[in-house]
Amino acid sequence: AVKHAGASSVTVMVALSYEGVELRVLDDGVGFDQDLTARSARPGHFGLVQMRRRVTEVGGSCRISSAPGAGTEVRAILPIRVPA
């Protein structure tokens, strides 16, 4: 968030819920246009597109909210698998 968004403040929260482990990262950086970012993903770069893919591969969900000048929030929920 500091490197890519120029954020001066980053908040990281981790919580346990019935859905699983929830991770939230909020920053006050420059934000971005989500539509343009989704269309311009480059191979070999492990950015937000890859993060979302990896979370969904393990059965979780990932929501990214941002707008130019409004910072960014990433919320991921990862399921907890209980051994059989």
C-alpha atoms as a PDB file:
ATOM      1  CA  ALA A   1       0.000   0.000   0.000  1.00  0.00           C
ATOM      2  CA  VAL A   2       2.835   2.387   0.780  1.00  0.00           C
ATOM      3  CA  LYS A   3       4.771   1.484  -2.376  1.00  0.00           C
ATOM      4  CA  HIS A   4       1.922   1.412  -4.891  1.00  0.00           C
ATOM      5  CA  ALA A   5      -0.646   3.771  -3.379  1.00  0.00           C
ATOM      6  CA  GLY A   6       1.520   6.396  -1.737  1.00  0.00           C
ATOM      7  CA  ALA A   7      -0.451   5.816   1.455  1.00  0.00           C
ATOM      8  CA  SER A   8       0.508   7.596   4.655  1.00  0.00           C
ATOM      9  CA  SER A   9      -1.708   5.341   6.749  1.00  0.00           C
ATOM     10  CA  VAL A  10      -2.426   1.620   6.395  1.00  0.00           C
ATOM     11  CA  THR A  11      -4.691  -0.347   8.725  1.00  0.00           C
ATOM     12  CA  VAL A  12      -4.571  -4.149   8.843  1.00  0.00           C
ATOM     13  CA  MET A  13      -7.255  -6.090  10.681  1.00  0.00           C
ATOM     14  CA  VAL A  14      -7.560  -9.838  11.188  1.00  0.00           C
ATOM     15  CA  ALA A  15     -10.646 -11.411  12.759  1.00  0.00           C
ATOM     16  CA  LEU A  16     -12.161 -14.832  13.214  1.00  0.00           C
ATOM     17  CA  SER A  17     -15.825 -15.287  12.298  1.00  0.00           C
ATOM     18  CA  TYR A  18     -18.273 -18.026  11.358  1.00  0.00           C
ATOM     19  CA  GLU A  19     -17.264 -17.482   7.721  1.00  0.00           C
ATOM     20  CA  GLY A  20     -13.580 -18.039   8.428  1.00  0.00           C
ATOM     21  CA  VAL A  21     -10.606 -15.753   8.897  1.00  0.00           C
ATOM     22  CA  GLU A  22     -11.272 -12.226   7.701  1.00  0.00           C
ATOM     23  CA  LEU A  23      -8.413  -9.989   6.606  1.00  0.00           C
ATOM     24  CA  ARG A  24      -9.006  -6.300   5.886  1.00  0.00           C
ATOM     25  CA  VAL A  25      -6.407  -3.838   4.655  1.00  0.00           C
ATOM     26  CA  LEU A  26      -7.384  -0.178   4.334  1.00  0.00           C
ATOM     27  CA  ASP A  27      -5.201   2.655   3.109  1.00  0.00           C
ATOM     28  CA  ASP A  28      -5.516   6.380   2.504  1.00  0.00           C
ATOM     29  CA  GLY A  29      -3.540   6.301  -0.726  1.00  0.00           C
ATOM     30  CA  VAL A  30      -4.326   7.636  -4.173  1.00  0.00           C
ATOM     31  CA  GLY A  31      -6.846   4.892  -5.000  1.00  0.00           C
ATOM     32  CA  PHE A  32      -7.509   3.726  -8.544  1.00  0.00           C
ATOM     33  CA  ASP A  33     -10.172   3.117 -11.148  1.00  0.00           C
ATOM     34  CA  GLN A  34     -11.112  -0.538 -10.612  1.00  0.00           C
ATOM     35  CA  ASP A  35     -12.381  -1.028 -14.175  1.00  0.00           C
ATOM     36  CA  LEU A  36      -9.127   0.166 -15.742  1.00  0.00           C
ATOM     37  CA  THR A  37      -6.996  -1.899 -13.362  1.00  0.00           C
ATOM     38  CA  ALA A  38      -8.904  -5.127 -14.083  1.00  0.00           C
ATOM     39  CA  ARG A  39      -8.401  -4.681 -17.833  1.00  0.00           C
ATOM     40  CA  SER A  40      -4.704  -3.840 -17.595  1.00  0.00           C
ATOM     41  CA  ALA A  41      -3.422  -6.788 -15.523  1.00  0.00           C
ATOM     42  CA  ARG A  42      -0.015  -7.841 -16.763  1.00  0.00           C
ATOM     43  CA  PRO A  43       1.297 -11.433 -16.838  1.00  0.00           C
ATOM     44  CA  GLY A  44       3.927 -12.124 -14.185  1.00  0.00           C
ATOM     45  CA  HIS A  45       2.693  -9.410 -11.842  1.00  0.00           C
ATOM     46  CA  PHE A  46       1.183 -10.536  -8.560  1.00  0.00           C
ATOM     47  CA  GLY A  47      -1.169  -7.663  -7.890  1.00  0.00           C
ATOM     48  CA  LEU A  48      -4.772  -7.407  -6.873  1.00  0.00           C
ATOM     49  CA  VAL A  49      -5.986  -9.669  -9.689  1.00  0.00           C
ATOM     50  CA  GLN A  50      -3.692 -12.474  -8.528  1.00  0.00           C
ATOM     51  CA  MET A  51      -4.648 -11.894  -4.901  1.00  0.00           C
ATOM     52  CA  ARG A  52      -8.330 -12.310  -5.742  1.00  0.00           C
ATOM     53  CA  ARG A  53      -7.604 -15.459  -7.779  1.00  0.00           C
ATOM     54  CA  ARG A  54      -5.599 -17.074  -4.994  1.00  0.00           C
ATOM     55  CA  VAL A  55      -8.264 -16.382  -2.375  1.00  0.00           C
ATOM     56  CA  THR A  56     -11.051 -17.837  -4.531  1.00  0.00           C
ATOM     57  CA  GLU A  57      -8.917 -20.916  -5.327  1.00  0.00           C
ATOM     58  CA  VAL A  58      -9.035 -21.893  -1.643  1.00  0.00           C
ATOM     59  CA  GLY A  59     -12.794 -21.292  -1.433  1.00  0.00           C
ATOM     60  CA  GLY A  60     -12.649 -17.793  -0.007  1.00  0.00           C
ATOM     61  CA  SER A  61     -13.952 -14.459  -1.160  1.00  0.00           C
ATOM     62  CA  CYS A  62     -12.160 -11.226  -1.891  1.00  0.00           C
ATOM     63  CA  ARG A  63     -13.642  -7.762  -2.346  1.00  0.00           C
ATOM     64  CA  ILE A  64     -11.577  -4.784  -3.417  1.00  0.00           C
ATOM     65  CA  SER A  65     -13.039  -1.292  -3.148  1.00  0.00           C
ATOM     66  CA  SER A  66     -11.273   1.775  -4.471  1.00  0.00           C
ATOM     67  CA  ALA A  67     -11.754   4.972  -6.405  1.00  0.00           C
ATOM     68  CA  PRO A  68      -9.316   7.651  -7.571  1.00  0.00           C
ATOM     69  CA  GLY A  69      -8.415   9.855  -4.615  1.00  0.00           C
ATOM     70  CA  ALA A  70     -10.350   7.698  -2.133  1.00  0.00           C
ATOM     71  CA  GLY A  71      -7.876   5.070  -0.916  1.00  0.00           C
ATOM     72  CA  THR A  72      -8.393   1.322  -1.122  1.00  0.00           C
ATOM     73  CA  GLU A  73      -9.957  -1.413   0.986  1.00  0.00           C
ATOM     74  CA  VAL A  74      -9.201  -5.094   0.446  1.00  0.00           C
ATOM     75  CA  ARG A  75     -11.382  -7.572   2.354  1.00  0.00           C
ATOM     76  CA  ALA A  76     -10.646 -11.272   2.102  1.00  0.00           C
ATOM     77  CA  ILE A  77     -12.377 -14.117   3.896  1.00  0.00           C
ATOM     78  CA  LEU A  78     -10.545 -17.421   3.992  1.00  0.00           C
ATOM     79  CA  PRO A  79     -12.463 -20.522   5.054  1.00  0.00           C
ATOM     80  CA  ILE A  80     -11.253 -22.558   7.982  1.00  0.00           C
ATOM     81  CA  ARG A  81     -10.946 -26.219   7.212  1.00  0.00           C
ATOM     82  CA  VAL A  82     -11.356 -28.496  10.189  1.00  0.00           C
ATOM     83  CA  PRO A  83      -9.456 -31.795   9.850  1.00  0.00           C
ATOM     84  CA  ALA A  84     -11.714 -34.842   9.508  1.00  0.00           C
END
